[in-house]
Amino acid sequence: MKKTYKLLALLLIISILLCSCSSTTNMDNNIKNEIEGTITLWSHGSYYEYLKYASKKYMELHTKAKVEVKDVDSSYMDENFPKVLEGKRTGPDLVVMSCEEVQYYSAKYPLAFREMNEFIAPYRDNVNKQRLEKIVINDKVMALPWDNLPVTLYYNANLIKKYGIDPESMKTWKDFIKAGEVLYQSNKGQVKLIGYDKDIYSMYQLLLSQLNLGVFNESGESNVNQEKSVRVLELMRELNSKSFIDFSKDDKELIDKIKNQQIAFTISSNLIIDPLEENFREDNNKLGMMALPAFEPGGNRSASYSGNNMMMLESTKNVKLCESFMKFALIDKENLIEGIKQFSILSVYNKVNTDAIFDEPYEILLGFRPWRFLERIQKEAFNIKYTYKQFSMKKNMKDIIEKLITGNENIRIEVEKINKDLEKLGK
């Protein structure tokens, strides 16, 4: 009889456990399936590629949900996105934007976007406070911060060794120009010192940030006539006049030129690491990595571009799906690590920097550990306070900076005239 009771008790426990497991499985399935509907997301470049990867994974988990990711370049955005916000055409539920764009569009169309204070609250402590401030307007977080873009020099180690250039000795821009002169004299200008895949204005902004200055101050006034700005403009004019800079249309052209030993160094963000690894894995050329030169001995060698963020439009009809996907793609640690490994996207969330990849040596970079180095560069970079003018005045500033760098006029005199003109434009 005792054996019978024991057997019945055992069967009862097993039944309870099975029911519990079944209940848990059903609950997990319900959680996965309760998200449904369709959302559209606009993105670009490496961010588009990552979001395509993440959306595929997400839809495998949430079978009733559909996330459509569209690749849109800056010209498409400039032409079509204002029409979306003005109700003249259909558009996305979510959109990837730089910090400048977040400030500009939030100021111009304040009712077009959902503020994210409540959504980001559980994750806020995991984001650098200064990075978060870049996307705050009137105490409202207007986007979900995504990545950082620390900038360094990458170089063809074989090439500079061939010409006797020692990267360790290049601490300042003055040292860098001396190396450029050696390079120029050795090959009559066939090999350029620097490759760059953005425009002159982007380079001006970057170098200005090395001197802890933005293009505009927090009041929206131009800094173009400041002494630090003059130093940057004079440096860029010298580099340009000596034919030391090669401007490439995109990173593909830039990488081809590094590979073919047409340029020695490139100024690039972390986004170039994955394409470099893909192109140099089987190549005889080896690459090096170093911080930017400083403007004076012991000066700042760290700088970064504006990171990207994800904004949710107020017009979306599926907030639940938008928030669920944002958590999955931009906050989930496993996915963020894949973002680094496969797409070289460096998340703003400090929980990722404990992963082993941050201390992983890269063979193509002579055993260098790029991600730990880039983490330090980002921490030391100047925190630019973006205003709506950073984006709204972009075209004007591009034309102005290009004329100053390629012209022959006295820079100090010209910037005073320009600043007065900019004051009129800003009114």
Protein backbone atom coordinates (compact mmCIF):
# COMPACT_ATOMS: atom_id res chain seq x y z
CA MET A 1 0.00 0.00 0.00
CA LYS A 2 2.85 2.39 0.89
CA LYS A 3 4.42 1.66 -2.47
CA THR A 4 1.15 2.53 -4.18
CA TYR A 5 0.94 5.86 -2.33
CA LYS A 6 4.53 6.66 -3.22
CA LEU A 7 3.87 5.83 -6.87
CA LEU A 8 0.74 8.01 -6.92
CA ALA A 9 2.62 10.87 -5.26
CA LEU A 10 5.43 10.57 -7.82
CA LEU A 11 2.94 10.57 -10.71
CA LEU A 12 1.24 13.65 -9.23
CA ILE A 13 4.56 15.56 -9.03
CA ILE A 14 5.43 14.63 -12.61
CA SER A 15 1.99 15.78 -13.78
CA ILE A 16 2.39 19.11 -12.02
CA LEU A 17 5.85 19.63 -13.55
CA LEU A 18 4.61 18.75 -17.03
CA CYS A 19 1.67 21.13 -16.69
CA SER A 20 4.00 23.82 -15.45
CA CYS A 21 6.38 23.34 -18.40
CA SER A 22 3.48 23.29 -20.83
CA SER A 23 2.06 26.44 -19.26
CA THR A 24 5.45 28.20 -19.47
CA THR A 25 5.89 27.16 -23.10
CA ASN A 26 2.42 28.38 -23.98
CA MET A 27 3.09 31.64 -22.16
CA ASP A 28 6.39 32.14 -24.05
CA ASN A 29 4.63 31.44 -27.33
CA ASN A 30 1.87 33.88 -26.41
CA ILE A 31 4.45 36.59 -25.63
CA LYS A 32 6.13 35.96 -28.96
CA ASN A 33 2.90 35.96 -30.89
CA GLU A 34 1.05 38.79 -29.17
CA ILE A 35 3.14 41.39 -31.09
CA GLU A 36 1.57 41.85 -34.49
CA GLY A 37 1.17 44.32 -37.33
CA THR A 38 3.54 46.06 -39.74
CA ILE A 39 5.97 48.93 -39.29
CA THR A 40 8.32 50.65 -41.73
CA LEU A 41 11.79 51.87 -40.82
CA TRP A 42 14.07 54.24 -42.77
CA SER A 43 17.81 53.85 -42.38
CA HIS A 44 21.07 54.00 -44.33
CA GLY A 45 24.48 52.36 -44.84
CA SER A 46 25.75 49.98 -42.17
CA TYR A 47 22.73 50.78 -39.99
CA TYR A 48 20.40 49.59 -42.73
CA GLU A 49 22.40 46.35 -43.09
CA TYR A 50 22.25 45.70 -39.35
CA LEU A 51 18.54 46.46 -39.13
CA LYS A 52 17.82 44.06 -42.00
CA TYR A 53 19.68 41.38 -40.04
CA ALA A 54 17.90 42.28 -36.77
CA SER A 55 14.44 42.49 -38.37
CA LYS A 56 14.83 39.01 -39.84
CA LYS A 57 15.68 37.60 -36.41
CA TYR A 58 12.84 39.54 -34.81
CA MET A 59 10.23 38.29 -37.28
CA GLU A 60 11.32 34.70 -36.68
CA LEU A 61 10.41 35.21 -33.01
CA HIS A 62 7.28 37.28 -33.65
CA THR A 63 5.61 35.53 -36.53
CA LYS A 64 2.65 37.93 -36.72
CA ALA A 65 4.87 41.02 -36.92
CA LYS A 66 6.43 42.54 -40.02
CA VAL A 67 9.31 45.03 -39.95
CA GLU A 68 10.06 46.59 -43.33
CA VAL A 69 13.47 48.29 -43.52
CA LYS A 70 14.14 50.79 -46.29
CA ASP A 71 17.58 52.05 -47.34
CA VAL A 72 17.40 55.84 -47.88
CA ASP A 73 20.35 58.16 -48.54
CA SER A 74 20.71 61.75 -47.34
CA SER A 75 19.38 63.33 -50.56
CA TYR A 76 16.23 61.16 -50.39
CA MET A 77 15.77 62.11 -46.74
CA ASP A 78 16.23 65.83 -47.38
CA GLU A 79 13.68 65.77 -50.18
CA ASN A 80 11.05 63.42 -48.76
CA PHE A 81 11.15 63.46 -44.97
CA PRO A 82 9.82 67.05 -44.59
CA LYS A 83 6.89 66.02 -46.82
CA VAL A 84 6.19 63.11 -44.46
CA LEU A 85 6.20 65.41 -41.43
CA GLU A 86 3.92 67.88 -43.20
CA GLY A 87 1.42 65.11 -44.06
CA LYS A 88 2.06 65.35 -47.80
CA ARG A 89 3.13 61.73 -48.21
CA THR A 90 3.32 58.47 -46.30
CA GLY A 91 6.48 57.66 -44.43
CA PRO A 92 8.12 55.49 -41.80
CA ASP A 93 7.13 54.60 -38.26
CA LEU A 94 10.76 54.68 -37.16
CA VAL A 95 13.72 56.58 -38.64
CA VAL A 96 17.47 56.55 -37.97
CA MET A 97 18.97 60.03 -37.56
CA SER A 98 22.16 61.75 -36.45
CA CYS A 99 22.15 63.96 -33.36
CA GLU A 100 22.15 67.09 -35.56
CA GLU A 101 19.09 65.84 -37.40
CA VAL A 102 17.29 64.97 -34.16
CA GLN A 103 17.82 68.53 -32.92
CA TYR A 104 16.75 70.11 -36.21
CA TYR A 105 13.63 68.06 -36.94
CA SER A 106 12.46 68.07 -33.31
CA ALA A 107 12.72 71.87 -33.21
CA LYS A 108 11.06 72.43 -36.57
CA TYR A 109 8.34 69.77 -36.19
CA PRO A 110 7.87 69.49 -32.39
CA LEU A 111 4.59 67.56 -32.62
CA ALA A 112 5.79 65.04 -35.20
CA PHE A 113 7.74 62.74 -32.87
CA ARG A 114 7.01 60.76 -29.72
CA GLU A 115 9.19 61.74 -26.78
CA MET A 116 10.93 58.79 -25.13
CA ASN A 117 11.49 59.73 -21.49
CA GLU A 118 9.31 56.92 -20.17
CA PHE A 119 10.54 54.36 -22.68
CA ILE A 120 14.24 54.99 -22.00
CA ALA A 121 13.90 55.29 -18.20
CA PRO A 122 14.95 51.66 -17.41
CA TYR A 123 18.07 51.98 -19.60
CA ARG A 124 19.04 55.60 -18.95
CA ASP A 125 21.81 54.81 -16.46
CA ASN A 126 23.53 52.64 -19.07
CA VAL A 127 24.07 55.59 -21.41
CA ASN A 128 26.67 58.32 -20.99
CA LYS A 129 24.87 61.45 -19.74
CA GLN A 130 26.59 63.75 -22.24
CA ARG A 131 25.64 61.48 -25.14
CA LEU A 132 22.01 61.54 -24.03
CA GLU A 133 22.01 65.35 -23.77
CA LYS A 134 22.65 65.57 -27.52
CA ILE A 135 19.09 64.36 -28.21
CA VAL A 136 17.22 66.18 -25.44
CA ILE A 137 15.00 69.20 -26.13
CA ASN A 138 13.22 70.98 -23.28
CA ASP A 139 13.89 68.05 -20.94
CA LYS A 140 12.38 65.60 -23.45
CA VAL A 141 14.43 62.70 -24.83
CA MET A 142 13.44 62.80 -28.49
CA ALA A 143 15.10 59.58 -29.69
CA LEU A 144 16.60 56.31 -28.56
CA PRO A 145 20.41 56.72 -28.70
CA TRP A 146 22.10 54.00 -30.72
CA ASP A 147 25.80 54.34 -31.40
CA ASN A 148 29.05 56.29 -31.00
CA LEU A 149 31.45 57.06 -33.83
CA PRO A 150 34.99 57.56 -32.48
CA VAL A 151 37.47 58.59 -35.19
CA THR A 152 41.07 57.44 -35.60
CA LEU A 153 43.74 57.00 -38.26
CA TYR A 154 44.11 53.69 -40.10
CA TYR A 155 47.21 53.20 -42.22
CA ASN A 156 48.86 50.83 -44.67
CA ALA A 157 51.74 49.54 -42.54
CA ASN A 158 53.60 48.05 -45.51
CA LEU A 159 53.49 51.33 -47.40
CA ILE A 160 54.70 53.67 -44.68
CA LYS A 161 57.49 51.25 -43.76
CA LYS A 162 58.60 51.33 -47.40
CA TYR A 163 59.01 55.13 -47.19
CA GLY A 164 60.60 55.11 -43.74
CA ILE A 165 57.68 56.75 -41.94
CA ASP A 166 57.37 55.91 -38.24
CA PRO A 167 53.77 56.31 -37.01
CA GLU A 168 54.92 56.39 -33.38
CA SER A 169 56.78 59.64 -34.04
CA MET A 170 53.70 61.37 -35.50
CA LYS A 171 52.21 62.96 -32.40
CA THR A 172 51.16 66.33 -33.87
CA TRP A 173 49.78 67.65 -37.16
CA LYS A 174 53.17 69.32 -37.68
CA ASP A 175 54.81 65.87 -37.49
CA PHE A 176 52.17 64.58 -39.87
CA ILE A 177 52.88 67.28 -42.47
CA LYS A 178 56.61 66.48 -42.29
CA ALA A 179 55.79 62.84 -43.05
CA GLY A 180 53.64 64.01 -45.95
CA GLU A 181 56.55 65.97 -47.40
CA VAL A 182 58.79 62.88 -47.20
CA LEU A 183 56.09 60.85 -48.93
CA TYR A 184 55.55 63.48 -51.64
CA GLN A 185 59.26 63.84 -52.42
CA SER A 186 59.72 60.07 -52.56
CA ASN A 187 56.97 59.37 -55.11
CA LYS A 188 56.25 62.79 -56.69
CA GLY A 189 52.73 62.94 -55.32
CA GLN A 190 51.61 59.56 -56.64
CA VAL A 191 50.79 58.43 -53.09
CA LYS A 192 48.61 60.77 -51.02
CA LEU A 193 49.16 61.21 -47.30
CA ILE A 194 45.48 61.13 -46.24
CA GLY A 195 42.36 59.54 -47.67
CA TYR A 196 38.94 60.81 -46.56
CA ASP A 197 35.50 59.59 -47.60
CA LYS A 198 33.50 62.58 -46.38
CA ASP A 199 33.45 66.23 -47.47
CA ILE A 200 35.68 69.14 -46.43
CA TYR A 201 33.05 70.49 -44.03
CA SER A 202 32.88 67.18 -42.12
CA MET A 203 36.64 67.26 -41.76
CA TYR A 204 36.48 70.86 -40.48
CA GLN A 205 33.90 69.88 -37.84
CA LEU A 206 35.98 66.90 -36.76
CA LEU A 207 39.26 68.81 -36.38
CA LEU A 208 37.49 71.69 -34.65
CA SER A 209 36.17 69.24 -32.05
CA GLN A 210 39.80 68.27 -31.30
CA LEU A 211 40.17 71.81 -30.00
CA ASN A 212 37.01 71.44 -27.90
CA LEU A 213 34.88 73.68 -30.09
CA GLY A 214 31.73 73.15 -32.13
CA VAL A 215 30.79 74.92 -35.38
CA PHE A 216 28.06 76.75 -33.43
CA ASN A 217 27.85 77.57 -29.76
CA GLU A 218 24.89 76.64 -27.56
CA SER A 219 23.14 79.89 -28.48
CA GLY A 220 23.35 79.01 -32.17
CA GLU A 221 26.06 81.59 -32.97
CA SER A 222 28.81 80.67 -35.41
CA ASN A 223 32.32 79.98 -34.10
CA VAL A 224 33.93 80.31 -37.53
CA ASN A 225 35.83 83.50 -36.55
CA GLN A 226 37.21 82.05 -33.30
CA GLU A 227 40.98 81.57 -33.01
CA LYS A 228 40.63 77.79 -32.78
CA SER A 229 38.60 77.77 -36.01
CA VAL A 230 41.30 79.80 -37.76
CA ARG A 231 43.92 77.24 -36.68
CA VAL A 232 41.86 74.41 -38.17
CA LEU A 233 41.23 76.28 -41.42
CA GLU A 234 44.93 77.12 -41.79
CA LEU A 235 45.90 73.48 -41.22
CA MET A 236 43.35 72.24 -43.75
CA ARG A 237 44.45 74.81 -46.32
CA GLU A 238 48.06 73.68 -45.92
CA LEU A 239 47.12 70.00 -46.31
CA ASN A 240 45.03 70.82 -49.37
CA SER A 241 47.54 73.15 -51.04
CA LYS A 242 50.29 70.53 -50.72
CA SER A 243 47.98 67.91 -52.30
CA PHE A 244 48.20 65.74 -49.20
CA ILE A 245 44.46 64.93 -49.07
CA ASP A 246 42.50 62.64 -51.36
CA PHE A 247 38.70 62.86 -51.07
CA SER A 248 36.96 59.59 -51.98
CA LYS A 249 33.26 59.35 -52.84
CA ASP A 250 32.68 56.44 -50.41
CA ASP A 251 34.43 53.87 -48.20
CA LYS A 252 34.66 51.34 -51.06
CA GLU A 253 36.76 53.73 -53.16
CA LEU A 254 38.77 54.66 -50.08
CA ILE A 255 39.56 51.03 -49.23
CA ASP A 256 40.57 50.28 -52.83
CA LYS A 257 43.06 53.15 -52.65
CA ILE A 258 44.51 51.90 -49.35
CA LYS A 259 44.82 48.43 -50.84
CA ASN A 260 46.46 49.71 -54.04
CA GLN A 261 48.89 51.85 -51.99
CA GLN A 262 47.53 55.11 -53.38
CA ILE A 263 47.02 56.58 -49.90
CA ALA A 264 49.00 56.01 -46.71
CA PHE A 265 46.53 57.02 -43.97
CA THR A 266 42.78 57.41 -43.72
CA ILE A 267 40.75 59.36 -41.17
CA SER A 268 37.79 57.09 -40.41
CA SER A 269 35.29 56.02 -37.78
CA ASN A 270 34.84 52.50 -36.43
CA LEU A 271 32.39 51.73 -39.27
CA ILE A 272 35.34 51.05 -41.57
CA ILE A 273 36.63 48.10 -39.52
CA ASP A 274 34.32 45.44 -40.94
CA PRO A 275 34.95 46.44 -44.61
CA LEU A 276 38.70 46.57 -43.90
CA GLU A 277 38.64 43.10 -42.39
CA GLU A 278 36.68 41.80 -45.36
CA ASN A 279 39.12 43.32 -47.87
CA PHE A 280 42.44 42.70 -46.12
CA ARG A 281 41.89 39.26 -44.62
CA GLU A 282 43.71 37.55 -47.50
CA ASP A 283 45.85 40.54 -48.51
CA ASN A 284 49.59 40.93 -48.05
CA ASN A 285 49.16 44.50 -46.86
CA LYS A 286 48.84 44.88 -43.11
CA LEU A 287 47.15 47.79 -41.41
CA GLY A 288 47.89 49.90 -38.37
CA MET A 289 45.69 52.06 -36.19
CA MET A 290 46.52 55.19 -34.18
CA ALA A 291 44.93 58.27 -32.64
CA LEU A 292 44.65 61.49 -34.62
CA PRO A 293 47.64 63.85 -34.36
CA ALA A 294 47.25 66.70 -31.87
CA PHE A 295 47.46 70.41 -32.66
CA GLU A 296 50.28 70.84 -30.15
CA PRO A 297 52.55 68.47 -28.17
CA GLY A 298 50.52 66.76 -25.45
CA GLY A 299 47.26 68.06 -26.93
CA ASN A 300 43.97 66.25 -27.49
CA ARG A 301 44.13 63.37 -29.98
CA SER A 302 40.55 62.16 -29.58
CA ALA A 303 37.50 63.07 -31.67
CA SER A 304 34.23 61.57 -32.82
CA TYR A 305 31.42 62.14 -35.28
CA SER A 306 27.79 62.57 -34.27
CA GLY A 307 26.30 59.21 -33.37
CA ASN A 308 22.99 57.91 -34.68
CA ASN A 309 19.64 57.47 -32.97
CA MET A 310 16.18 56.08 -33.66
CA MET A 311 13.12 58.34 -33.62
CA MET A 312 9.49 57.24 -33.49
CA LEU A 313 6.93 59.26 -35.42
CA GLU A 314 3.78 60.36 -33.62
CA SER A 315 1.77 59.18 -36.62
CA THR A 316 2.65 55.50 -36.08
CA LYS A 317 -0.34 53.23 -35.53
CA ASN A 318 1.70 50.54 -33.82
CA VAL A 319 3.62 51.95 -30.85
CA LYS A 320 3.77 48.53 -29.20
CA LEU A 321 5.56 46.94 -32.17
CA CYS A 322 7.90 49.94 -32.55
CA GLU A 323 8.97 49.80 -28.91
CA SER A 324 9.34 46.03 -28.97
CA PHE A 325 11.59 46.15 -32.03
CA MET A 326 13.68 49.04 -30.67
CA LYS A 327 14.36 47.06 -27.49
CA PHE A 328 15.31 44.03 -29.53
CA ALA A 329 17.57 45.77 -32.04
CA LEU A 330 19.09 48.63 -30.03
CA ILE A 331 19.10 47.46 -26.39
CA ASP A 332 19.40 43.64 -26.33
CA LYS A 333 23.05 42.90 -25.50
CA GLU A 334 23.36 39.81 -27.69
CA ASN A 335 22.20 41.73 -30.74
CA LEU A 336 24.39 44.73 -29.95
CA ILE A 337 27.46 42.48 -29.80
CA GLU A 338 26.54 41.06 -33.21
CA GLY A 339 26.24 44.66 -34.36
CA ILE A 340 29.90 45.16 -33.43
CA LYS A 341 31.12 41.85 -34.84
CA GLN A 342 29.30 41.94 -38.17
CA PHE A 343 28.69 45.63 -38.85
CA SER A 344 31.23 47.54 -36.70
CA ILE A 345 28.47 49.51 -34.95
CA LEU A 346 29.61 50.62 -31.49
CA SER A 347 26.60 50.81 -29.16
CA VAL A 348 26.19 53.66 -26.66
CA TYR A 349 25.13 51.17 -23.96
CA ASN A 350 28.02 50.58 -21.58
CA LYS A 351 26.85 47.02 -20.82
CA VAL A 352 28.46 45.87 -24.10
CA ASN A 353 32.01 46.85 -23.16
CA THR A 354 32.41 43.86 -20.83
CA ASP A 355 32.18 41.49 -23.81
CA ALA A 356 35.29 39.58 -24.89
CA ILE A 357 35.32 41.28 -28.31
CA PHE A 358 36.60 44.48 -26.68
CA ASP A 359 39.88 42.74 -25.89
CA GLU A 360 40.08 40.68 -29.05
CA PRO A 361 43.19 41.27 -31.23
CA TYR A 362 42.61 41.77 -34.97
CA GLU A 363 45.12 40.07 -37.24
CA ILE A 364 44.71 42.64 -40.03
CA LEU A 365 45.59 45.39 -37.52
CA LEU A 366 48.87 43.73 -36.48
CA GLY A 367 47.25 42.23 -33.38
CA PHE A 368 45.83 45.57 -32.23
CA ARG A 369 42.68 45.53 -30.02
CA PRO A 370 40.55 48.16 -31.80
CA TRP A 371 37.38 48.15 -29.71
CA ARG A 372 39.00 48.85 -26.33
CA PHE A 373 41.06 51.58 -27.99
CA LEU A 374 37.96 53.11 -29.62
CA GLU A 375 36.12 53.01 -26.30
CA ARG A 376 38.88 55.19 -24.80
CA ILE A 377 38.88 57.57 -27.77
CA GLN A 378 35.13 58.09 -27.38
CA LYS A 379 35.44 58.80 -23.66
CA GLU A 380 38.10 61.45 -24.29
CA ALA A 381 36.38 63.10 -27.27
CA PHE A 382 34.86 66.56 -26.89
CA ASN A 383 31.12 66.56 -26.27
CA ILE A 384 29.66 68.78 -29.00
CA LYS A 385 26.42 70.51 -28.04
CA TYR A 386 24.34 70.34 -31.20
CA THR A 387 21.67 72.91 -32.01
CA TYR A 388 19.12 73.02 -34.83
CA LYS A 389 21.53 75.31 -36.75
CA GLN A 390 24.12 72.54 -37.05
CA PHE A 391 21.88 70.87 -39.63
CA SER A 392 19.86 73.81 -41.01
CA MET A 393 23.01 75.78 -41.94
CA LYS A 394 24.87 72.75 -43.29
CA LYS A 395 24.80 73.70 -46.98
CA ASN A 396 25.83 77.30 -46.30
CA MET A 397 28.68 76.14 -44.08
CA LYS A 398 29.87 73.56 -46.63
CA ASP A 399 30.23 76.25 -49.30
CA ILE A 400 31.92 78.67 -46.89
CA ILE A 401 34.48 76.18 -45.57
CA GLU A 402 35.31 74.85 -49.03
CA LYS A 403 35.99 78.39 -50.35
CA LEU A 404 38.19 79.21 -47.35
CA ILE A 405 40.28 76.06 -47.68
CA THR A 406 40.70 76.10 -51.46
CA GLY A 407 41.09 79.90 -51.78
CA ASN A 408 44.03 82.26 -51.31
CA GLU A 409 42.41 85.05 -49.27
CA ASN A 410 43.60 85.88 -45.78
CA ILE A 411 41.62 83.52 -43.56
CA ARG A 412 41.55 85.82 -40.53
CA ILE A 413 40.05 88.68 -42.52
CA GLU A 414 37.60 86.44 -44.38
CA VAL A 415 36.13 84.74 -41.29
CA GLU A 416 35.15 88.10 -39.79
CA LYS A 417 33.20 88.97 -42.95
CA ILE A 418 31.66 85.49 -43.05
CA ASN A 419 30.56 85.64 -39.44
CA LYS A 420 28.63 88.86 -40.07
CA ASP A 421 26.95 87.26 -43.09
CA LEU A 422 26.03 84.21 -41.02
CA GLU A 423 24.47 86.41 -38.34
CA LYS A 424 22.20 87.90 -41.01
CA LEU A 425 21.31 84.46 -42.38
CA GLY A 426 20.47 83.20 -38.90
CA LYS A 427 17.96 85.96 -38.20
